[in-house]
N, C-alpha and C. Protein backbone atom coordinates (compact mmCIF):
# COMPACT_ATOMS: atom_id res chain seq x y z
N UNK A 1 -185.25 12.92 -183.59
CA UNK A 1 -185.22 12.43 -184.93
C UNK A 1 -185.52 13.56 -185.90
N UNK A 2 -184.68 13.67 -186.87
CA UNK A 2 -184.85 14.73 -187.86
C UNK A 2 -185.75 14.27 -188.99
N UNK A 3 -186.57 15.16 -189.42
CA UNK A 3 -187.38 14.89 -190.61
C UNK A 3 -186.54 15.24 -191.83
N UNK A 4 -186.78 14.56 -192.95
CA UNK A 4 -186.01 14.83 -194.15
C UNK A 4 -186.26 16.24 -194.66
N UNK A 5 -187.47 16.75 -194.44
CA UNK A 5 -187.80 18.07 -194.93
C UNK A 5 -187.10 19.18 -194.14
N UNK A 6 -186.60 18.86 -192.94
CA UNK A 6 -185.95 19.88 -192.11
C UNK A 6 -184.43 19.90 -192.25
N UNK A 7 -183.85 19.01 -193.04
CA UNK A 7 -182.39 18.95 -193.15
C UNK A 7 -181.79 20.22 -193.71
N UNK A 8 -182.52 20.91 -194.57
CA UNK A 8 -181.99 22.12 -195.18
C UNK A 8 -182.06 23.32 -194.23
N UNK A 9 -182.80 23.20 -193.13
CA UNK A 9 -182.95 24.32 -192.19
C UNK A 9 -181.72 24.47 -191.31
N UNK A 10 -181.42 25.68 -190.87
CA UNK A 10 -180.29 25.86 -189.94
C UNK A 10 -180.63 25.24 -188.58
N UNK A 11 -179.58 24.96 -187.80
CA UNK A 11 -179.76 24.32 -186.50
C UNK A 11 -180.69 25.09 -185.58
N UNK A 12 -180.58 26.41 -185.62
CA UNK A 12 -181.38 27.24 -184.75
C UNK A 12 -182.88 27.01 -184.99
N UNK A 13 -183.26 26.93 -186.24
CA UNK A 13 -184.67 26.71 -186.60
C UNK A 13 -185.10 25.29 -186.23
N UNK A 14 -184.21 24.32 -186.45
CA UNK A 14 -184.53 22.94 -186.10
C UNK A 14 -184.75 22.79 -184.60
N UNK A 15 -183.89 23.44 -183.81
CA UNK A 15 -184.04 23.38 -182.35
C UNK A 15 -185.36 24.01 -181.92
N UNK A 16 -185.72 25.12 -182.56
CA UNK A 16 -186.98 25.79 -182.21
C UNK A 16 -188.16 24.87 -182.52
N UNK A 17 -188.10 24.17 -183.66
CA UNK A 17 -189.17 23.24 -184.01
C UNK A 17 -189.26 22.09 -183.02
N UNK A 18 -188.10 21.60 -182.56
CA UNK A 18 -188.09 20.53 -181.55
C UNK A 18 -188.72 21.00 -180.25
N UNK A 19 -188.41 22.25 -179.86
CA UNK A 19 -188.97 22.79 -178.62
C UNK A 19 -190.49 22.92 -178.71
N UNK A 20 -190.98 23.38 -179.85
CA UNK A 20 -192.44 23.52 -179.97
C UNK A 20 -193.13 22.16 -179.96
N UNK A 21 -192.50 21.15 -180.57
CA UNK A 21 -193.07 19.80 -180.51
C UNK A 21 -193.06 19.27 -179.10
N UNK A 22 -191.98 19.52 -178.37
CA UNK A 22 -191.90 19.08 -176.97
C UNK A 22 -192.96 19.78 -176.13
N UNK A 23 -193.19 21.04 -176.41
CA UNK A 23 -194.20 21.81 -175.68
C UNK A 23 -195.59 21.26 -175.93
N UNK A 24 -195.84 20.79 -177.15
CA UNK A 24 -197.15 20.22 -177.47
C UNK A 24 -197.37 18.92 -176.72
N UNK A 25 -196.31 18.15 -176.53
CA UNK A 25 -196.43 16.85 -175.87
C UNK A 25 -196.42 16.95 -174.36
N UNK A 26 -196.17 18.13 -173.81
CA UNK A 26 -196.08 18.29 -172.36
C UNK A 26 -197.43 18.05 -171.71
N UNK A 27 -197.38 17.53 -170.53
CA UNK A 27 -198.60 17.30 -169.77
C UNK A 27 -198.56 18.12 -168.49
N UNK A 28 -198.06 19.32 -168.58
CA UNK A 28 -198.03 20.19 -167.40
C UNK A 28 -198.41 21.61 -167.82
N UNK A 29 -199.01 22.30 -166.88
CA UNK A 29 -199.41 23.69 -167.11
C UNK A 29 -198.78 24.54 -166.03
N UNK A 30 -198.50 25.80 -166.36
CA UNK A 30 -197.86 26.64 -165.36
C UNK A 30 -198.47 28.02 -165.33
N UNK A 31 -198.27 28.68 -164.21
CA UNK A 31 -198.70 30.06 -164.03
C UNK A 31 -197.55 30.82 -163.38
N UNK A 32 -197.32 32.04 -163.84
CA UNK A 32 -196.23 32.86 -163.32
C UNK A 32 -196.79 34.21 -162.90
N UNK A 33 -196.41 34.65 -161.71
CA UNK A 33 -196.73 35.99 -161.25
C UNK A 33 -195.41 36.72 -161.08
N UNK A 34 -195.25 37.83 -161.78
CA UNK A 34 -193.99 38.56 -161.73
C UNK A 34 -194.14 39.88 -160.99
N UNK A 35 -193.06 40.34 -160.43
CA UNK A 35 -192.97 41.63 -159.75
C UNK A 35 -193.97 41.75 -158.60
N UNK A 36 -194.14 40.67 -157.85
CA UNK A 36 -195.01 40.69 -156.68
C UNK A 36 -194.30 41.44 -155.57
N UNK A 37 -195.00 42.38 -154.94
CA UNK A 37 -194.35 43.25 -153.96
C UNK A 37 -194.31 42.61 -152.57
N UNK A 38 -193.73 41.43 -152.51
CA UNK A 38 -193.50 40.72 -151.26
C UNK A 38 -192.15 40.04 -151.38
N UNK A 39 -191.41 40.00 -150.30
CA UNK A 39 -190.08 39.40 -150.33
C UNK A 39 -190.13 37.90 -150.57
N UNK A 40 -189.12 37.36 -151.25
CA UNK A 40 -189.10 35.93 -151.54
C UNK A 40 -189.10 35.03 -150.31
N UNK A 41 -188.44 35.47 -149.24
CA UNK A 41 -188.39 34.63 -148.03
C UNK A 41 -189.77 34.45 -147.43
N UNK A 42 -190.57 35.52 -147.44
CA UNK A 42 -191.92 35.45 -146.87
C UNK A 42 -192.81 34.53 -147.70
N UNK A 43 -192.63 34.55 -149.01
CA UNK A 43 -193.43 33.69 -149.88
C UNK A 43 -193.01 32.23 -149.75
N UNK A 44 -191.71 31.99 -149.61
CA UNK A 44 -191.21 30.60 -149.54
C UNK A 44 -191.72 29.88 -148.29
N UNK A 45 -191.94 30.61 -147.20
CA UNK A 45 -192.45 30.00 -145.97
C UNK A 45 -193.79 29.35 -146.23
N UNK A 46 -194.67 30.05 -146.94
CA UNK A 46 -196.01 29.53 -147.25
C UNK A 46 -195.93 28.50 -148.37
N UNK A 47 -195.07 28.73 -149.34
CA UNK A 47 -194.97 27.84 -150.50
C UNK A 47 -194.52 26.44 -150.10
N UNK A 48 -193.68 26.33 -149.09
CA UNK A 48 -193.20 25.03 -148.64
C UNK A 48 -194.34 24.16 -148.11
N UNK A 49 -195.43 24.78 -147.64
CA UNK A 49 -196.57 24.02 -147.11
C UNK A 49 -197.39 23.33 -148.20
N UNK A 50 -197.34 23.84 -149.43
CA UNK A 50 -198.22 23.30 -150.48
C UNK A 50 -197.48 22.51 -151.56
N UNK A 51 -196.18 22.52 -151.56
CA UNK A 51 -195.41 21.84 -152.61
C UNK A 51 -195.68 20.33 -152.59
N UNK A 52 -196.05 19.78 -153.76
CA UNK A 52 -196.30 18.34 -153.88
C UNK A 52 -197.72 17.91 -153.54
N UNK A 53 -198.55 18.79 -153.06
CA UNK A 53 -199.91 18.45 -152.66
C UNK A 53 -200.86 18.57 -153.85
N UNK A 54 -202.05 17.99 -153.73
CA UNK A 54 -203.05 18.15 -154.77
C UNK A 54 -203.53 19.60 -154.76
N UNK A 55 -204.04 20.07 -155.88
CA UNK A 55 -204.40 21.49 -155.97
C UNK A 55 -205.57 21.84 -155.06
N UNK A 56 -206.52 20.93 -154.90
CA UNK A 56 -207.65 21.22 -154.01
C UNK A 56 -207.18 21.33 -152.57
N UNK A 57 -206.29 20.43 -152.17
CA UNK A 57 -205.74 20.47 -150.81
C UNK A 57 -204.89 21.72 -150.60
N UNK A 58 -204.10 22.08 -151.62
CA UNK A 58 -203.25 23.27 -151.54
C UNK A 58 -204.09 24.54 -151.41
N UNK A 59 -205.18 24.63 -152.18
CA UNK A 59 -206.04 25.80 -152.10
C UNK A 59 -206.71 25.90 -150.73
N UNK A 60 -207.09 24.76 -150.15
CA UNK A 60 -207.66 24.78 -148.80
C UNK A 60 -206.64 25.24 -147.76
N UNK A 61 -205.41 24.77 -147.90
CA UNK A 61 -204.36 25.19 -146.97
C UNK A 61 -204.13 26.70 -147.08
N UNK A 62 -204.07 27.19 -148.32
CA UNK A 62 -203.81 28.62 -148.53
C UNK A 62 -204.96 29.49 -148.03
N UNK A 63 -206.21 29.01 -148.18
CA UNK A 63 -207.37 29.79 -147.72
C UNK A 63 -207.33 30.03 -146.22
N UNK A 64 -206.81 29.06 -145.47
CA UNK A 64 -206.82 29.17 -144.01
C UNK A 64 -205.46 29.50 -143.42
N UNK A 65 -204.52 29.93 -144.24
CA UNK A 65 -203.23 30.37 -143.75
C UNK A 65 -203.29 31.87 -143.51
N UNK A 66 -203.06 32.33 -142.29
CA UNK A 66 -203.23 33.76 -141.98
C UNK A 66 -202.00 34.60 -142.32
N UNK A 67 -201.58 34.57 -143.57
CA UNK A 67 -200.45 35.38 -144.02
C UNK A 67 -200.83 36.05 -145.33
N UNK A 68 -200.23 37.21 -145.58
CA UNK A 68 -200.49 37.95 -146.81
C UNK A 68 -200.02 37.16 -148.04
N UNK A 69 -198.92 36.44 -147.88
CA UNK A 69 -198.36 35.65 -148.99
C UNK A 69 -199.32 34.55 -149.43
N UNK A 70 -200.15 34.05 -148.53
CA UNK A 70 -201.07 32.96 -148.86
C UNK A 70 -202.09 33.41 -149.90
N UNK A 71 -202.56 34.64 -149.78
CA UNK A 71 -203.55 35.16 -150.73
C UNK A 71 -202.94 35.29 -152.13
N UNK A 72 -201.71 35.75 -152.19
CA UNK A 72 -201.02 35.90 -153.48
C UNK A 72 -200.81 34.52 -154.12
N UNK A 73 -200.33 33.55 -153.33
CA UNK A 73 -200.08 32.21 -153.85
C UNK A 73 -201.38 31.52 -154.27
N UNK A 74 -202.46 31.81 -153.56
CA UNK A 74 -203.77 31.23 -153.91
C UNK A 74 -204.19 31.66 -155.32
N UNK A 75 -203.94 32.92 -155.64
CA UNK A 75 -204.28 33.43 -156.97
C UNK A 75 -203.46 32.72 -158.05
N UNK A 76 -202.17 32.49 -157.77
CA UNK A 76 -201.29 31.86 -158.77
C UNK A 76 -201.68 30.39 -158.96
N UNK A 77 -202.00 29.69 -157.88
CA UNK A 77 -202.41 28.28 -157.99
C UNK A 77 -203.73 28.19 -158.77
N UNK A 78 -204.67 29.08 -158.47
CA UNK A 78 -205.94 29.10 -159.19
C UNK A 78 -205.72 29.35 -160.68
N UNK A 79 -204.80 30.24 -161.00
CA UNK A 79 -204.48 30.53 -162.39
C UNK A 79 -203.86 29.32 -163.08
N UNK A 80 -202.97 28.60 -162.39
CA UNK A 80 -202.35 27.41 -162.96
C UNK A 80 -203.39 26.33 -163.24
N UNK A 81 -204.34 26.17 -162.33
CA UNK A 81 -205.41 25.18 -162.53
C UNK A 81 -206.27 25.57 -163.72
N UNK A 82 -206.60 26.86 -163.83
CA UNK A 82 -207.39 27.34 -164.97
C UNK A 82 -206.65 27.14 -166.28
N UNK A 83 -205.33 27.39 -166.29
CA UNK A 83 -204.53 27.16 -167.48
C UNK A 83 -204.55 25.69 -167.89
N UNK A 84 -204.47 24.80 -166.89
CA UNK A 84 -204.48 23.36 -167.17
C UNK A 84 -205.81 22.93 -167.75
N UNK A 85 -206.91 23.44 -167.20
CA UNK A 85 -208.24 23.06 -167.68
C UNK A 85 -208.50 23.60 -169.08
N UNK A 86 -208.22 24.89 -169.29
CA UNK A 86 -208.60 25.53 -170.54
C UNK A 86 -207.61 25.31 -171.68
N UNK A 87 -206.32 25.33 -171.40
CA UNK A 87 -205.32 25.22 -172.46
C UNK A 87 -204.87 23.80 -172.73
N UNK A 88 -204.86 22.96 -171.69
CA UNK A 88 -204.34 21.60 -171.84
C UNK A 88 -205.41 20.53 -171.71
N UNK A 89 -206.65 20.91 -171.47
CA UNK A 89 -207.79 19.99 -171.29
C UNK A 89 -207.51 18.92 -170.23
N UNK A 90 -206.98 19.34 -169.09
CA UNK A 90 -206.71 18.41 -167.99
C UNK A 90 -207.89 18.42 -167.02
N UNK A 91 -207.98 17.35 -166.23
CA UNK A 91 -209.03 17.23 -165.22
C UNK A 91 -208.54 17.89 -163.94
N UNK A 92 -209.29 18.86 -163.43
CA UNK A 92 -208.84 19.63 -162.26
C UNK A 92 -208.77 18.78 -160.99
N UNK A 93 -209.53 17.68 -160.95
CA UNK A 93 -209.52 16.82 -159.76
C UNK A 93 -208.23 16.02 -159.64
N UNK A 94 -207.57 15.76 -160.78
CA UNK A 94 -206.35 14.94 -160.78
C UNK A 94 -205.08 15.76 -160.68
N UNK A 95 -205.18 17.08 -160.64
CA UNK A 95 -203.98 17.92 -160.67
C UNK A 95 -203.29 17.97 -159.31
N UNK A 96 -201.96 18.06 -159.36
CA UNK A 96 -201.17 18.29 -158.16
C UNK A 96 -200.06 19.28 -158.49
N UNK A 97 -199.47 19.88 -157.47
CA UNK A 97 -198.43 20.87 -157.68
C UNK A 97 -197.11 20.13 -157.88
N UNK A 98 -196.66 20.15 -159.13
CA UNK A 98 -195.46 19.41 -159.52
C UNK A 98 -194.20 20.18 -159.12
N UNK A 99 -194.16 21.46 -159.47
CA UNK A 99 -193.02 22.32 -159.11
C UNK A 99 -193.57 23.65 -158.64
N UNK A 100 -192.95 24.22 -157.64
CA UNK A 100 -193.33 25.54 -157.17
C UNK A 100 -192.08 26.21 -156.61
N UNK A 101 -191.78 27.39 -157.14
CA UNK A 101 -190.60 28.10 -156.64
C UNK A 101 -190.79 29.60 -156.76
N UNK A 102 -190.02 30.30 -155.95
CA UNK A 102 -190.05 31.77 -155.91
C UNK A 102 -188.64 32.26 -156.18
N UNK A 103 -188.51 33.16 -157.15
CA UNK A 103 -187.24 33.80 -157.45
C UNK A 103 -187.32 35.26 -157.05
N UNK A 104 -186.19 35.83 -156.70
CA UNK A 104 -186.15 37.25 -156.35
C UNK A 104 -186.27 38.10 -157.59
N UNK A 105 -187.04 39.15 -157.50
CA UNK A 105 -187.18 40.10 -158.58
C UNK A 105 -186.29 41.30 -158.33
N UNK A 106 -186.53 42.39 -159.04
CA UNK A 106 -185.72 43.59 -158.81
C UNK A 106 -185.97 44.17 -157.41
N UNK A 107 -184.95 44.78 -156.86
CA UNK A 107 -185.04 45.38 -155.53
C UNK A 107 -185.10 46.90 -155.68
N UNK A 108 -186.13 47.50 -155.07
CA UNK A 108 -186.23 48.96 -155.08
C UNK A 108 -185.46 49.49 -153.88
N UNK A 109 -184.53 50.37 -154.12
CA UNK A 109 -183.70 50.89 -153.03
C UNK A 109 -184.22 52.26 -152.61
N UNK A 110 -184.50 52.38 -151.32
CA UNK A 110 -185.01 53.63 -150.76
C UNK A 110 -184.14 54.00 -149.56
N UNK A 111 -184.32 55.21 -149.05
CA UNK A 111 -183.58 55.64 -147.87
C UNK A 111 -184.54 56.17 -146.83
N UNK A 112 -184.22 55.89 -145.57
CA UNK A 112 -185.05 56.30 -144.47
C UNK A 112 -184.22 57.16 -143.53
N UNK A 113 -184.83 58.19 -142.99
CA UNK A 113 -184.11 59.08 -142.08
C UNK A 113 -183.74 58.34 -140.80
N UNK A 114 -182.53 58.58 -140.34
CA UNK A 114 -182.05 57.97 -139.10
C UNK A 114 -181.61 59.08 -138.15
N UNK A 115 -181.18 58.68 -136.98
CA UNK A 115 -180.79 59.68 -135.98
C UNK A 115 -179.52 60.41 -136.40
N UNK A 116 -179.32 61.57 -135.87
CA UNK A 116 -178.14 62.41 -136.08
C UNK A 116 -177.95 62.77 -137.56
N UNK A 117 -179.04 62.96 -138.29
CA UNK A 117 -178.97 63.44 -139.67
C UNK A 117 -178.49 62.42 -140.68
N UNK A 118 -178.46 61.16 -140.29
CA UNK A 118 -178.00 60.13 -141.22
C UNK A 118 -179.19 59.53 -141.99
N UNK A 119 -178.89 58.71 -142.97
CA UNK A 119 -179.91 57.98 -143.72
C UNK A 119 -179.52 56.51 -143.77
N UNK A 120 -180.50 55.64 -143.59
CA UNK A 120 -180.23 54.20 -143.66
C UNK A 120 -180.96 53.63 -144.88
N UNK A 121 -180.35 52.68 -145.56
CA UNK A 121 -180.99 52.12 -146.76
C UNK A 121 -182.15 51.20 -146.40
N UNK A 122 -183.17 51.22 -147.24
CA UNK A 122 -184.30 50.30 -147.15
C UNK A 122 -184.39 49.59 -148.49
N UNK A 123 -184.45 48.25 -148.46
CA UNK A 123 -184.52 47.47 -149.70
C UNK A 123 -185.91 46.87 -149.80
N UNK A 124 -186.69 47.35 -150.76
CA UNK A 124 -188.04 46.83 -150.99
C UNK A 124 -187.94 45.73 -152.03
N UNK A 125 -188.06 44.50 -151.57
CA UNK A 125 -187.85 43.35 -152.45
C UNK A 125 -189.12 42.97 -153.21
N UNK A 126 -188.93 42.44 -154.42
CA UNK A 126 -190.03 41.90 -155.20
C UNK A 126 -189.72 40.45 -155.54
N UNK A 127 -190.74 39.73 -156.01
CA UNK A 127 -190.58 38.30 -156.27
C UNK A 127 -191.24 37.90 -157.58
N UNK A 128 -190.76 36.79 -158.13
CA UNK A 128 -191.39 36.14 -159.27
C UNK A 128 -191.80 34.74 -158.81
N UNK A 129 -193.09 34.43 -158.90
CA UNK A 129 -193.62 33.14 -158.44
C UNK A 129 -193.94 32.28 -159.65
N UNK A 130 -193.51 31.02 -159.62
CA UNK A 130 -193.82 30.07 -160.69
C UNK A 130 -194.40 28.81 -160.07
N UNK A 131 -195.58 28.40 -160.56
CA UNK A 131 -196.22 27.18 -160.09
C UNK A 131 -196.56 26.32 -161.29
N UNK A 132 -196.09 25.07 -161.27
CA UNK A 132 -196.34 24.12 -162.36
C UNK A 132 -197.22 23.00 -161.81
N UNK A 133 -198.35 22.75 -162.48
CA UNK A 133 -199.24 21.68 -162.07
C UNK A 133 -199.21 20.58 -163.12
N UNK A 134 -199.46 19.36 -162.66
CA UNK A 134 -199.39 18.18 -163.53
C UNK A 134 -200.49 17.21 -163.10
N UNK A 135 -200.96 16.39 -164.03
CA UNK A 135 -201.96 15.37 -163.69
C UNK A 135 -201.28 14.18 -163.05
N UNK A 136 -201.94 13.63 -162.04
CA UNK A 136 -201.40 12.44 -161.39
C UNK A 136 -201.57 11.24 -162.31
N UNK A 137 -200.47 10.52 -162.54
CA UNK A 137 -200.53 9.31 -163.37
C UNK A 137 -201.08 8.15 -162.57
N UNK A 138 -201.87 7.32 -163.24
CA UNK A 138 -202.46 6.19 -162.50
C UNK A 138 -201.91 4.87 -162.90
């Protein structure tokens, strides 16, 4: 719904105002970790274990998962919970992981010496992790 005072504004500005209003009404908080020096496939294996679970249960699972990716994901989940508590005034006991995904980041290309004077490529992958938490509706 357009306000009468916004009719004179260009569409671009009106859309921006709508987005900010939608952001204010949102009941979800998110945390993003970018350029993590772990491959996306390794992170997704651990991430699949916590998707849809409550944040306390997810943090317990991550604490006892013996993988390097678990420690990284634990930090991001903790950050998302802190964002929800401090920025959105949500109750940490009611939070659950609404969305969680890993995207591939930039790939660093290196070369390694191989037999007979050749070189083989090495691709050092990075990841972007996004975790969105939401309060459980009753």
